[in-house]
Amino acid sequence: MPLTEIARVAMNFHELLFWSWYRFICIEYIIIIWLGKKKNQDRGFH
């Protein structure tokens, strides 16, 4: 495997890692906001 090929594969791997991590953070953020809103609504009804 030539060095350029290794570098390209490494870059793709890093991009995949970055995007999966980014997506994970986004999902966590959405869940936290959604749960926070739900809790606030529940508190408002009581």
N, C-alpha and C. Protein backbone atom coordinates (compact mmCIF):
# COMPACT_ATOMS: atom_id res chain seq x y z
N MET A 1 0.85 -1.20 0.00
CA MET A 1 0.00 0.00 0.00
C MET A 1 0.89 1.25 0.00
N PRO A 2 0.73 2.11 -1.00
CA PRO A 2 1.52 3.35 -1.02
C PRO A 2 1.09 4.29 0.11
N LEU A 3 1.98 5.19 0.43
CA LEU A 3 1.76 6.11 1.55
C LEU A 3 0.52 6.98 1.32
N THR A 4 0.31 7.42 0.08
CA THR A 4 -0.85 8.28 -0.22
C THR A 4 -2.14 7.54 0.07
N GLU A 5 -2.16 6.25 -0.25
CA GLU A 5 -3.35 5.42 -0.01
C GLU A 5 -3.62 5.31 1.49
N ILE A 6 -2.55 5.08 2.25
CA ILE A 6 -2.67 4.98 3.72
C ILE A 6 -3.21 6.30 4.29
N ALA A 7 -2.66 7.40 3.78
CA ALA A 7 -3.09 8.72 4.26
C ALA A 7 -4.57 8.95 3.94
N ARG A 8 -4.99 8.53 2.75
CA ARG A 8 -6.38 8.73 2.33
C ARG A 8 -7.32 7.91 3.21
N VAL A 9 -6.94 6.67 3.47
CA VAL A 9 -7.76 5.79 4.32
C VAL A 9 -7.83 6.37 5.73
N ALA A 10 -6.69 6.86 6.23
CA ALA A 10 -6.65 7.44 7.57
C ALA A 10 -7.57 8.66 7.65
N MET A 11 -7.56 9.49 6.61
CA MET A 11 -8.42 10.67 6.59
C MET A 11 -9.89 10.27 6.60
N ASN A 12 -10.22 9.28 5.78
CA ASN A 12 -11.61 8.80 5.73
C ASN A 12 -12.03 8.28 7.09
N PHE A 13 -11.13 7.55 7.74
CA PHE A 13 -11.42 6.99 9.06
C PHE A 13 -11.67 8.12 10.07
N HIS A 14 -10.82 9.14 10.01
CA HIS A 14 -10.98 10.27 10.94
C HIS A 14 -12.28 11.01 10.67
N GLU A 15 -12.64 11.15 9.39
CA GLU A 15 -13.90 11.81 9.05
C GLU A 15 -15.08 11.02 9.60
N LEU A 16 -15.02 9.70 9.43
CA LEU A 16 -16.09 8.85 9.94
C LEU A 16 -16.21 8.99 11.45
N LEU A 17 -15.07 8.96 12.14
CA LEU A 17 -15.06 9.10 13.59
C LEU A 17 -15.67 10.44 13.99
N PHE A 18 -15.23 11.49 13.29
CA PHE A 18 -15.70 12.84 13.59
C PHE A 18 -17.21 12.94 13.43
N TRP A 19 -17.71 12.40 12.30
CA TRP A 19 -19.14 12.53 12.03
C TRP A 19 -19.97 11.71 13.00
N SER A 20 -19.49 10.51 13.35
CA SER A 20 -20.25 9.68 14.30
C SER A 20 -20.28 10.37 15.67
N TRP A 21 -19.14 10.96 16.06
CA TRP A 21 -19.05 11.69 17.33
C TRP A 21 -19.97 12.91 17.31
N TYR A 22 -19.93 13.64 16.18
CA TYR A 22 -20.74 14.84 16.00
C TYR A 22 -22.23 14.50 16.09
N ARG A 23 -22.61 13.41 15.41
CA ARG A 23 -24.00 12.98 15.41
C ARG A 23 -24.42 12.59 16.83
N PHE A 24 -23.52 11.90 17.53
CA PHE A 24 -23.80 11.47 18.91
C PHE A 24 -24.07 12.69 19.79
N ILE A 25 -23.23 13.72 19.67
CA ILE A 25 -23.39 14.93 20.47
C ILE A 25 -24.72 15.60 20.14
N CYS A 26 -25.06 15.68 18.85
CA CYS A 26 -26.32 16.31 18.43
C CYS A 26 -27.51 15.57 19.03
N ILE A 27 -27.47 14.24 18.96
CA ILE A 27 -28.58 13.44 19.48
C ILE A 27 -28.71 13.64 20.99
N GLU A 28 -27.57 13.61 21.69
CA GLU A 28 -27.58 13.81 23.14
C GLU A 28 -28.18 15.18 23.48
N TYR A 29 -27.76 16.20 22.72
CA TYR A 29 -28.22 17.57 22.94
C TYR A 29 -29.73 17.67 22.77
N ILE A 30 -30.23 17.05 21.69
CA ILE A 30 -31.67 17.07 21.41
C ILE A 30 -32.44 16.37 22.52
N ILE A 31 -31.93 15.22 22.96
CA ILE A 31 -32.60 14.46 24.03
C ILE A 31 -32.64 15.27 25.32
N ILE A 32 -31.51 15.91 25.65
CA ILE A 32 -31.44 16.71 26.88
C ILE A 32 -32.45 17.86 26.83
N ILE A 33 -32.50 18.55 25.69
CA ILE A 33 -33.44 19.67 25.54
C ILE A 33 -34.87 19.17 25.63
N TRP A 34 -35.15 18.05 24.93
CA TRP A 34 -36.51 17.48 24.91
C TRP A 34 -36.94 17.06 26.31
N LEU A 35 -36.03 16.39 27.02
CA LEU A 35 -36.35 15.96 28.39
C LEU A 35 -36.53 17.17 29.29
N GLY A 36 -35.70 18.19 29.10
CA GLY A 36 -35.80 19.41 29.90
C GLY A 36 -37.15 20.08 29.69
N LYS A 37 -37.58 20.17 28.43
CA LYS A 37 -38.89 20.77 28.13
C LYS A 37 -40.01 19.95 28.73
N LYS A 38 -39.88 18.63 28.63
CA LYS A 38 -40.90 17.74 29.16
C LYS A 38 -41.01 17.92 30.68
N LYS A 39 -39.87 18.00 31.35
CA LYS A 39 -39.85 18.19 32.81
C LYS A 39 -40.51 19.52 33.17
N ASN A 40 -40.18 20.56 32.42
CA ASN A 40 -40.75 21.88 32.70
C ASN A 40 -42.26 21.86 32.52
N GLN A 41 -42.73 21.17 31.48
CA GLN A 41 -44.17 21.06 31.24
C GLN A 41 -44.84 20.32 32.39
N ASP A 42 -44.23 19.22 32.82
CA ASP A 42 -44.79 18.43 33.93
C ASP A 42 -44.88 19.30 35.19
N ARG A 43 -43.84 20.08 35.44
CA ARG A 43 -43.80 20.92 36.62
C ARG A 43 -44.91 21.98 36.52
N GLY A 44 -45.14 22.48 35.31
CA GLY A 44 -46.16 23.50 35.10
C GLY A 44 -47.56 22.96 35.35
N PHE A 45 -47.80 21.69 35.05
CA PHE A 45 -49.13 21.11 35.21
C PHE A 45 -49.46 20.81 36.66
N HIS A 46 -48.46 20.56 37.48
CA HIS A 46 -48.72 20.19 38.87
C HIS A 46 -49.15 21.39 39.71
